[in-house]
Amino acid sequence: MNPPICRRCLLRDLDDGSYARTVEEYIAAIPPRQKASSEEYEKRLSLCRECSRLVSGMCSLCGCFVEARAAKASQHCPDTPSHW
Protein backbone atom coordinates (compact mmCIF):
# COMPACT_ATOMS: atom_id res chain seq x y z
CA MET A 1 0.00 0.00 0.00
CA ASN A 2 1.39 3.40 -1.00
CA PRO A 3 1.46 6.15 1.62
CA PRO A 4 -0.83 9.10 0.90
CA ILE A 5 0.64 12.09 -0.88
CA CYS A 6 1.41 14.77 1.64
CA ARG A 7 1.32 18.26 0.21
CA ARG A 8 3.46 20.73 2.08
CA CYS A 9 5.13 18.04 4.20
CA LEU A 10 8.84 17.67 4.67
CA LEU A 11 10.43 14.23 4.80
CA ARG A 12 10.94 14.56 8.53
CA ASP A 13 7.15 14.94 8.90
CA LEU A 14 6.29 11.69 7.13
CA ASP A 15 5.86 8.37 8.94
CA ASP A 16 8.37 6.28 6.99
CA GLY A 17 11.75 7.57 8.09
CA SER A 18 13.95 5.76 5.56
CA TYR A 19 14.22 8.68 3.12
CA ALA A 20 14.47 11.16 5.97
CA ARG A 21 17.41 9.23 7.48
CA THR A 22 19.20 9.15 4.13
CA VAL A 23 18.74 12.90 3.67
CA GLU A 24 19.88 13.55 7.25
CA GLU A 25 23.05 11.52 6.56
CA TYR A 26 23.63 13.50 3.37
CA ILE A 27 23.21 16.80 5.25
CA ALA A 28 25.56 15.64 8.00
CA ALA A 29 28.22 14.91 5.37
CA ILE A 30 28.14 18.43 3.91
CA PRO A 31 31.30 20.28 4.94
CA PRO A 32 30.46 23.00 7.50
CA ARG A 33 31.73 25.81 5.25
CA GLN A 34 29.20 24.74 2.58
CA LYS A 35 26.18 24.50 4.89
CA ALA A 36 23.53 27.13 5.40
CA SER A 37 23.30 28.33 8.99
CA SER A 38 20.68 26.62 11.16
CA GLU A 39 18.57 29.78 11.10
CA GLU A 40 18.78 30.08 7.30
CA TYR A 41 18.02 26.37 6.87
CA GLU A 42 14.86 26.58 8.99
CA LYS A 43 13.79 29.80 7.24
CA ARG A 44 14.16 28.08 3.87
CA LEU A 45 12.17 25.04 5.01
CA SER A 46 9.46 27.32 6.36
CA LEU A 47 9.15 28.96 2.95
CA CYS A 48 9.09 25.54 1.26
CA ARG A 49 6.25 24.43 3.55
CA GLU A 50 4.18 27.37 2.27
CA CYS A 51 4.84 26.49 -1.36
CA SER A 52 2.24 24.59 -3.38
CA ARG A 53 5.06 22.79 -5.23
CA LEU A 54 6.14 20.86 -2.11
CA VAL A 55 4.83 17.30 -2.34
CA SER A 56 5.87 14.58 0.10
CA GLY A 57 9.19 16.28 0.86
CA MET A 58 10.07 16.88 -2.77
CA CYS A 59 9.97 19.95 -4.98
CA SER A 60 7.70 19.21 -7.93
CA LEU A 61 9.64 21.73 -10.04
CA CYS A 62 13.07 20.09 -9.88
CA GLY A 63 12.51 16.79 -8.05
CA CYS A 64 14.91 17.54 -5.21
CA PHE A 65 14.41 16.68 -1.58
CA VAL A 66 13.94 20.20 -0.25
CA GLU A 67 15.66 19.45 3.05
CA ALA A 68 18.84 18.48 1.20
CA ARG A 69 18.71 21.45 -1.16
CA ALA A 70 18.01 23.94 1.66
CA ALA A 71 21.00 22.67 3.66
CA LYS A 72 23.61 23.92 1.19
CA ALA A 73 24.39 27.65 1.39
CA SER A 74 25.01 27.93 -2.36
CA GLN A 75 21.63 26.47 -3.35
CA HIS A 76 18.47 28.41 -4.09
CA CYS A 77 14.80 27.75 -4.68
CA PRO A 78 14.26 26.63 -8.31
CA ASP A 79 11.04 28.60 -8.72
CA THR A 80 10.93 31.85 -10.68
CA PRO A 81 11.12 34.10 -8.84
CA SER A 82 13.06 32.19 -6.23
CA HIS A 83 11.44 32.03 -2.77
CA TRP A 84 14.85 31.88 -1.09
C-alpha atoms as a PDB file:
ATOM      1  CA  MET A   1       0.000   0.000   0.000  1.00  0.00           C
ATOM      2  CA  ASN A   2       1.385   3.395  -1.002  1.00  0.00           C
ATOM      3  CA  PRO A   3       1.459   6.151   1.622  1.00  0.00           C
ATOM      4  CA  PRO A   4      -0.828   9.096   0.896  1.00  0.00           C
ATOM      5  CA  ILE A   5       0.635  12.094  -0.879  1.00  0.00           C
ATOM      6  CA  CYS A   6       1.411  14.768   1.637  1.00  0.00           C
ATOM      7  CA  ARG A   7       1.318  18.256   0.215  1.00  0.00           C
ATOM      8  CA  ARG A   8       3.464  20.729   2.082  1.00  0.00           C
ATOM      9  CA  CYS A   9       5.126  18.040   4.200  1.00  0.00           C
ATOM     10  CA  LEU A  10       8.839  17.670   4.668  1.00  0.00           C
ATOM     11  CA  LEU A  11      10.433  14.230   4.798  1.00  0.00           C
ATOM     12  CA  ARG A  12      10.939  14.564   8.535  1.00  0.00           C
ATOM     13  CA  ASP A  13       7.146  14.944   8.896  1.00  0.00           C
ATOM     14  CA  LEU A  14       6.291  11.693   7.126  1.00  0.00           C
ATOM     15  CA  ASP A  15       5.859   8.367   8.941  1.00  0.00           C
ATOM     16  CA  ASP A  16       8.368   6.280   6.989  1.00  0.00           C
ATOM     17  CA  GLY A  17      11.749   7.574   8.089  1.00  0.00           C
ATOM     18  CA  SER A  18      13.955   5.763   5.561  1.00  0.00           C
ATOM     19  CA  TYR A  19      14.220   8.676   3.118  1.00  0.00           C
ATOM     20  CA  ALA A  20      14.474  11.158   5.969  1.00  0.00           C
ATOM     21  CA  ARG A  21      17.413   9.226   7.482  1.00  0.00           C
ATOM     22  CA  THR A  22      19.197   9.151   4.129  1.00  0.00           C
ATOM     23  CA  VAL A  23      18.745  12.902   3.670  1.00  0.00           C
ATOM     24  CA  GLU A  24      19.883  13.545   7.254  1.00  0.00           C
ATOM     25  CA  GLU A  25      23.047  11.516   6.564  1.00  0.00           C
ATOM     26  CA  TYR A  26      23.626  13.504   3.372  1.00  0.00           C
ATOM     27  CA  ILE A  27      23.213  16.795   5.245  1.00  0.00           C
ATOM     28  CA  ALA A  28      25.564  15.642   8.005  1.00  0.00           C
ATOM     29  CA  ALA A  29      28.224  14.907   5.372  1.00  0.00           C
ATOM     30  CA  ILE A  30      28.136  18.428   3.909  1.00  0.00           C
ATOM     31  CA  PRO A  31      31.301  20.276   4.944  1.00  0.00           C
ATOM     32  CA  PRO A  32      30.457  22.996   7.495  1.00  0.00           C
ATOM     33  CA  ARG A  33      31.728  25.809   5.254  1.00  0.00           C
ATOM     34  CA  GLN A  34      29.203  24.738   2.579  1.00  0.00           C
ATOM     35  CA  LYS A  35      26.180  24.502   4.894  1.00  0.00           C
ATOM     36  CA  ALA A  36      23.532  27.130   5.395  1.00  0.00           C
ATOM     37  CA  SER A  37      23.298  28.325   8.991  1.00  0.00           C
ATOM     38  CA  SER A  38      20.677  26.618  11.159  1.00  0.00           C
ATOM     39  CA  GLU A  39      18.571  29.777  11.097  1.00  0.00           C
ATOM     40  CA  GLU A  40      18.775  30.084   7.305  1.00  0.00           C
ATOM     41  CA  TYR A  41      18.019  26.370   6.874  1.00  0.00           C
ATOM     42  CA  GLU A  42      14.856  26.580   8.995  1.00  0.00           C
ATOM     43  CA  LYS A  43      13.788  29.796   7.240  1.00  0.00           C
ATOM     44  CA  ARG A  44      14.160  28.081   3.870  1.00  0.00           C
ATOM     45  CA  LEU A  45      12.173  25.042   5.014  1.00  0.00           C
ATOM     46  CA  SER A  46       9.458  27.316   6.363  1.00  0.00           C
ATOM     47  CA  LEU A  47       9.153  28.959   2.948  1.00  0.00           C
ATOM     48  CA  CYS A  48       9.088  25.542   1.264  1.00  0.00           C
ATOM     49  CA  ARG A  49       6.248  24.434   3.552  1.00  0.00           C
ATOM     50  CA  GLU A  50       4.181  27.366   2.274  1.00  0.00           C
ATOM     51  CA  CYS A  51       4.845  26.489  -1.365  1.00  0.00           C
ATOM     52  CA  SER A  52       2.243  24.592  -3.378  1.00  0.00           C
ATOM     53  CA  ARG A  53       5.056  22.788  -5.229  1.00  0.00           C
ATOM     54  CA  LEU A  54       6.142  20.861  -2.106  1.00  0.00           C
ATOM     55  CA  VAL A  55       4.825  17.300  -2.343  1.00  0.00           C
ATOM     56  CA  SER A  56       5.873  14.577   0.103  1.00  0.00           C
ATOM     57  CA  GLY A  57       9.187  16.277   0.862  1.00  0.00           C
ATOM     58  CA  MET A  58      10.073  16.877  -2.773  1.00  0.00           C
ATOM     59  CA  CYS A  59       9.973  19.950  -4.983  1.00  0.00           C
ATOM     60  CA  SER A  60       7.696  19.214  -7.926  1.00  0.00           C
ATOM     61  CA  LEU A  61       9.642  21.725 -10.041  1.00  0.00           C
ATOM     62  CA  CYS A  62      13.066  20.089  -9.879  1.00  0.00           C
ATOM     63  CA  GLY A  63      12.508  16.794  -8.053  1.00  0.00           C
ATOM     64  CA  CYS A  64      14.912  17.540  -5.212  1.00  0.00           C
ATOM     65  CA  PHE A  65      14.408  16.675  -1.581  1.00  0.00           C
ATOM     66  CA  VAL A  66      13.936  20.195  -0.248  1.00  0.00           C
ATOM     67  CA  GLU A  67      15.655  19.454   3.052  1.00  0.00           C
ATOM     68  CA  ALA A  68      18.842  18.481   1.197  1.00  0.00           C
ATOM     69  CA  ARG A  69      18.710  21.453  -1.162  1.00  0.00           C
ATOM     70  CA  ALA A  70      18.010  23.936   1.656  1.00  0.00           C
ATOM     71  CA  ALA A  71      20.996  22.674   3.662  1.00  0.00           C
ATOM     72  CA  LYS A  72      23.607  23.925   1.186  1.00  0.00           C
ATOM     73  CA  ALA A  73      24.385  27.647   1.391  1.00  0.00           C
ATOM     74  CA  SER A  74      25.010  27.929  -2.358  1.00  0.00           C
ATOM     75  CA  GLN A  75      21.631  26.467  -3.355  1.00  0.00           C
ATOM     76  CA  HIS A  76      18.473  28.412  -4.093  1.00  0.00           C
ATOM     77  CA  CYS A  77      14.796  27.755  -4.680  1.00  0.00           C
ATOM     78  CA  PRO A  78      14.264  26.627  -8.308  1.00  0.00           C
ATOM     79  CA  ASP A  79      11.039  28.602  -8.725  1.00  0.00           C
ATOM     80  CA  THR A  80      10.934  31.854 -10.683  1.00  0.00           C
ATOM     81  CA  PRO A  81      11.121  34.098  -8.838  1.00  0.00           C
ATOM     82  CA  SER A  82      13.064  32.190  -6.228  1.00  0.00           C
ATOM     83  CA  HIS A  83      11.440  32.034  -2.766  1.00  0.00           C
ATOM     84  CA  TRP A  84      14.854  31.880  -1.086  1.00  0.00           C
END
